[in-house]
Amino acid sequence: MGAIASGCVWGASGVLLFSHNHPAQIAALSIVLAGIAAGGVTTLSSVWWIAIGFVLPILLPLKLSFCFRARRFLF
């Protein structure tokens, strides 16, 4: 349960720190969250449902932020 709660906190940081006015900040945030998710998968891979419970709350909010705010990134 602690890993899932930690994933939720990291996912919330992806939403709260997502600033569509600063593309460099978005790139850095994406790299950090992807690295945390990758590290969680390797660490928690022995119990697959905990690994999924850690990774999905991290990556889904970031993906949804990209999808809903994609018009801001078009040139």
Protein backbone atom coordinates (compact mmCIF):
# COMPACT_ATOMS: atom_id res chain seq x y z
CA MET A 1 0.00 0.00 0.00
CA GLY A 2 2.88 2.36 0.65
CA ALA A 3 4.16 1.99 -2.92
CA ILE A 4 0.75 2.76 -4.35
CA ALA A 5 0.40 5.82 -2.11
CA SER A 6 3.87 6.95 -3.16
CA GLY A 7 2.88 6.57 -6.81
CA CYS A 8 -0.19 8.72 -6.18
CA VAL A 9 1.93 11.44 -4.59
CA TRP A 10 4.37 11.44 -7.52
CA GLY A 11 1.43 11.52 -9.93
CA ALA A 12 -0.04 14.51 -8.13
CA SER A 13 3.28 16.30 -8.42
CA GLY A 14 3.14 15.71 -12.17
CA VAL A 15 -0.20 17.48 -12.36
CA LEU A 16 0.58 20.27 -9.90
CA LEU A 17 3.99 21.10 -11.36
CA PHE A 18 2.87 20.93 -15.00
CA SER A 19 3.29 24.45 -16.33
CA HIS A 20 2.36 24.73 -20.00
CA ASN A 21 4.17 28.07 -20.28
CA HIS A 22 7.63 26.54 -19.81
CA PRO A 23 8.48 23.73 -22.25
CA ALA A 24 11.89 23.09 -20.66
CA GLN A 25 10.25 22.55 -17.28
CA ILE A 26 7.78 20.11 -18.83
CA ALA A 27 10.63 18.18 -20.44
CA ALA A 28 12.53 17.96 -17.15
CA LEU A 29 9.40 16.91 -15.25
CA SER A 30 8.66 14.22 -17.83
CA ILE A 31 12.20 12.84 -17.62
CA VAL A 32 12.15 12.78 -13.82
CA LEU A 33 8.76 11.06 -13.62
CA ALA A 34 9.73 8.52 -16.30
CA GLY A 35 12.92 7.75 -14.38
CA ILE A 36 11.04 7.29 -11.13
CA ALA A 37 8.55 4.99 -12.87
CA ALA A 38 11.36 2.97 -14.46
CA GLY A 39 13.13 2.61 -11.14
CA GLY A 40 9.89 1.52 -9.50
CA VAL A 41 9.29 -1.14 -12.14
CA THR A 42 12.71 -2.69 -11.60
CA THR A 43 12.41 -2.55 -7.82
CA LEU A 44 8.81 -3.73 -7.55
CA SER A 45 8.78 -6.23 -10.43
CA SER A 46 8.55 -9.23 -8.10
CA VAL A 47 4.96 -8.29 -7.26
CA TRP A 48 3.39 -7.17 -10.54
CA TRP A 49 0.23 -5.59 -9.15
CA ILE A 50 2.21 -3.34 -6.82
CA ALA A 51 4.47 -2.32 -9.71
CA ILE A 52 1.42 -1.42 -11.79
CA GLY A 53 -0.11 0.38 -8.81
CA PHE A 54 3.05 2.45 -8.52
CA VAL A 55 3.61 3.25 -12.19
CA LEU A 56 0.08 4.00 -13.40
CA PRO A 57 -0.63 6.83 -10.93
CA ILE A 58 2.68 8.42 -11.95
CA LEU A 59 2.35 8.26 -15.72
CA LEU A 60 -1.40 8.55 -16.37
CA PRO A 61 -1.87 12.09 -14.98
CA LEU A 62 1.14 13.29 -16.96
CA LYS A 63 -0.18 11.66 -20.12
CA LEU A 64 -3.62 13.19 -19.60
CA SER A 65 -2.04 16.60 -19.03
CA PHE A 66 -0.23 16.26 -22.35
CA CYS A 67 -3.39 15.13 -24.14
CA PHE A 68 -5.67 17.84 -22.81
CA ARG A 69 -3.16 20.65 -23.17
CA ALA A 70 -1.64 19.55 -26.47
CA ARG A 71 -2.89 22.60 -28.33
CA ARG A 72 -0.54 24.78 -26.30
CA PHE A 73 2.48 22.91 -27.64
CA LEU A 74 1.68 23.31 -31.30
CA PHE A 75 3.64 25.93 -33.13
